[in-house]
Amino acid sequence: MALAQPWLVDVSLVLDVVGGGRFATAVVAVVVAAPVLAVGVAIGVSRTVVGVHWPTDVLGGWALGGAWMLACASVAVLARSRRATRSRGAMAP
C-alpha cells in the first residue's frame, strides 16, 4: 500500500518502538510529528535570521537529522523483524 505521505510511516514506527506498541495510528503520528517538525523549522529559520548560522548550515543539519531518523527507523524495523522471526520460530513444533 503506497501512502501519500511516506514520512508518516517512519514517525509512527518510531513512536511505536519508543512507546512499546501503544502509538500505532497515523493520527497520533501527525499530532506528535507536526509540532516537532514546526519547532525544528522555526529554530532553523530563526538561527539564519539572527545570523548565527548560514542557510547551508541549517539545511545540512536538517539533512543530517533526517538521515539519522531514517537510520534509527531502519534499525527499529530490522530489530522488529528479527524479534518477530524469533517468536515465530519458538512457536513452531
Protein backbone atom coordinates (compact mmCIF):
# COMPACT_ATOMS: atom_id res chain seq x y z
CA MET A 1 0.00 0.00 0.00
CA ALA A 2 1.52 3.31 -1.07
CA LEU A 3 0.95 6.27 1.20
CA ALA A 4 0.71 9.85 0.04
CA GLN A 5 2.95 10.88 2.94
CA PRO A 6 5.63 8.23 3.48
CA TRP A 7 7.11 10.10 6.46
CA LEU A 8 4.02 9.13 8.47
CA VAL A 9 5.23 5.54 8.36
CA ASP A 10 8.63 6.49 9.79
CA VAL A 11 7.19 8.64 12.56
CA SER A 12 4.56 6.11 13.53
CA LEU A 13 7.22 3.40 13.54
CA VAL A 14 9.47 5.41 15.81
CA LEU A 15 6.56 6.22 18.10
CA ASP A 16 5.55 2.57 18.11
CA VAL A 17 9.05 1.44 19.06
CA VAL A 18 9.51 4.15 21.70
CA GLY A 19 6.01 3.75 23.08
CA GLY A 20 6.15 -0.02 23.30
CA GLY A 21 3.43 -0.58 20.71
CA ARG A 22 0.92 1.92 22.07
CA PHE A 23 1.25 4.54 19.30
CA ALA A 24 0.35 2.82 16.07
CA THR A 25 -2.10 5.22 14.45
CA ALA A 26 -1.27 7.80 11.82
CA VAL A 27 -3.32 10.38 13.72
CA VAL A 28 -1.02 10.15 16.73
CA ALA A 29 1.99 10.30 14.42
CA VAL A 30 0.73 13.54 12.88
CA VAL A 31 -0.19 15.05 16.24
CA VAL A 32 3.31 14.36 17.56
CA ALA A 33 5.28 14.97 14.35
CA ALA A 34 3.68 18.26 13.32
CA PRO A 35 4.78 20.27 16.38
CA VAL A 36 8.21 18.62 16.40
CA LEU A 37 8.77 19.49 12.74
CA ALA A 38 7.39 23.00 13.24
CA VAL A 39 9.79 23.65 16.12
CA GLY A 40 12.70 22.30 14.09
CA VAL A 41 11.86 24.53 11.15
CA ALA A 42 11.29 27.57 13.37
CA ILE A 43 14.61 27.09 15.16
CA GLY A 44 16.48 26.62 11.88
CA VAL A 45 14.92 29.69 10.29
CA SER A 46 15.48 31.81 13.39
CA ARG A 47 19.16 30.80 13.55
CA THR A 48 19.55 32.01 9.97
CA VAL A 49 17.60 35.23 10.53
CA VAL A 50 19.60 36.10 13.66
CA GLY A 51 22.78 35.47 11.70
CA VAL A 52 24.20 32.73 13.88
CA HIS A 53 24.31 30.17 11.04
CA TRP A 54 24.46 30.24 7.27
CA PRO A 55 21.41 28.78 5.47
CA THR A 56 23.57 25.91 4.21
CA ASP A 57 24.43 25.03 7.82
CA VAL A 58 20.75 24.79 8.68
CA LEU A 59 19.93 22.76 5.57
CA GLY A 60 22.83 20.44 6.34
CA GLY A 61 21.56 20.00 9.89
CA TRP A 62 18.09 19.17 8.66
CA ALA A 63 19.51 16.68 6.16
CA LEU A 64 21.68 15.06 8.83
CA GLY A 65 18.71 14.88 11.21
CA GLY A 66 16.56 13.26 8.53
CA ALA A 67 19.27 10.75 7.72
CA TRP A 68 19.64 9.92 11.43
CA MET A 69 15.86 9.41 11.75
CA LEU A 70 15.86 7.08 8.75
CA ALA A 71 18.82 5.13 10.15
CA CYS A 72 17.10 4.73 13.53
CA ALA A 73 13.83 3.69 11.87
CA SER A 74 15.72 1.14 9.74
CA VAL A 75 17.36 -0.36 12.82
CA ALA A 76 13.96 -0.48 14.52
CA VAL A 77 12.41 -2.28 11.54
CA LEU A 78 15.29 -4.76 11.47
CA ALA A 79 15.01 -5.40 15.21
CA ARG A 80 11.25 -5.83 14.96
CA SER A 81 11.52 -8.27 12.05
CA ARG A 82 14.17 -10.32 13.87
CA ARG A 83 12.09 -10.38 17.03
CA ALA A 84 9.03 -11.49 15.05
CA THR A 85 11.07 -14.18 13.30
CA ARG A 86 12.39 -15.50 16.61
CA SER A 87 8.95 -15.57 18.20
CA ARG A 88 7.52 -17.46 15.21
CA GLY A 89 10.43 -19.90 15.33
CA ALA A 90 9.89 -20.56 19.03
CA MET A 91 6.22 -21.36 18.45
CA ALA A 92 6.87 -23.85 15.65
CA PRO A 93 6.57 -27.52 16.64
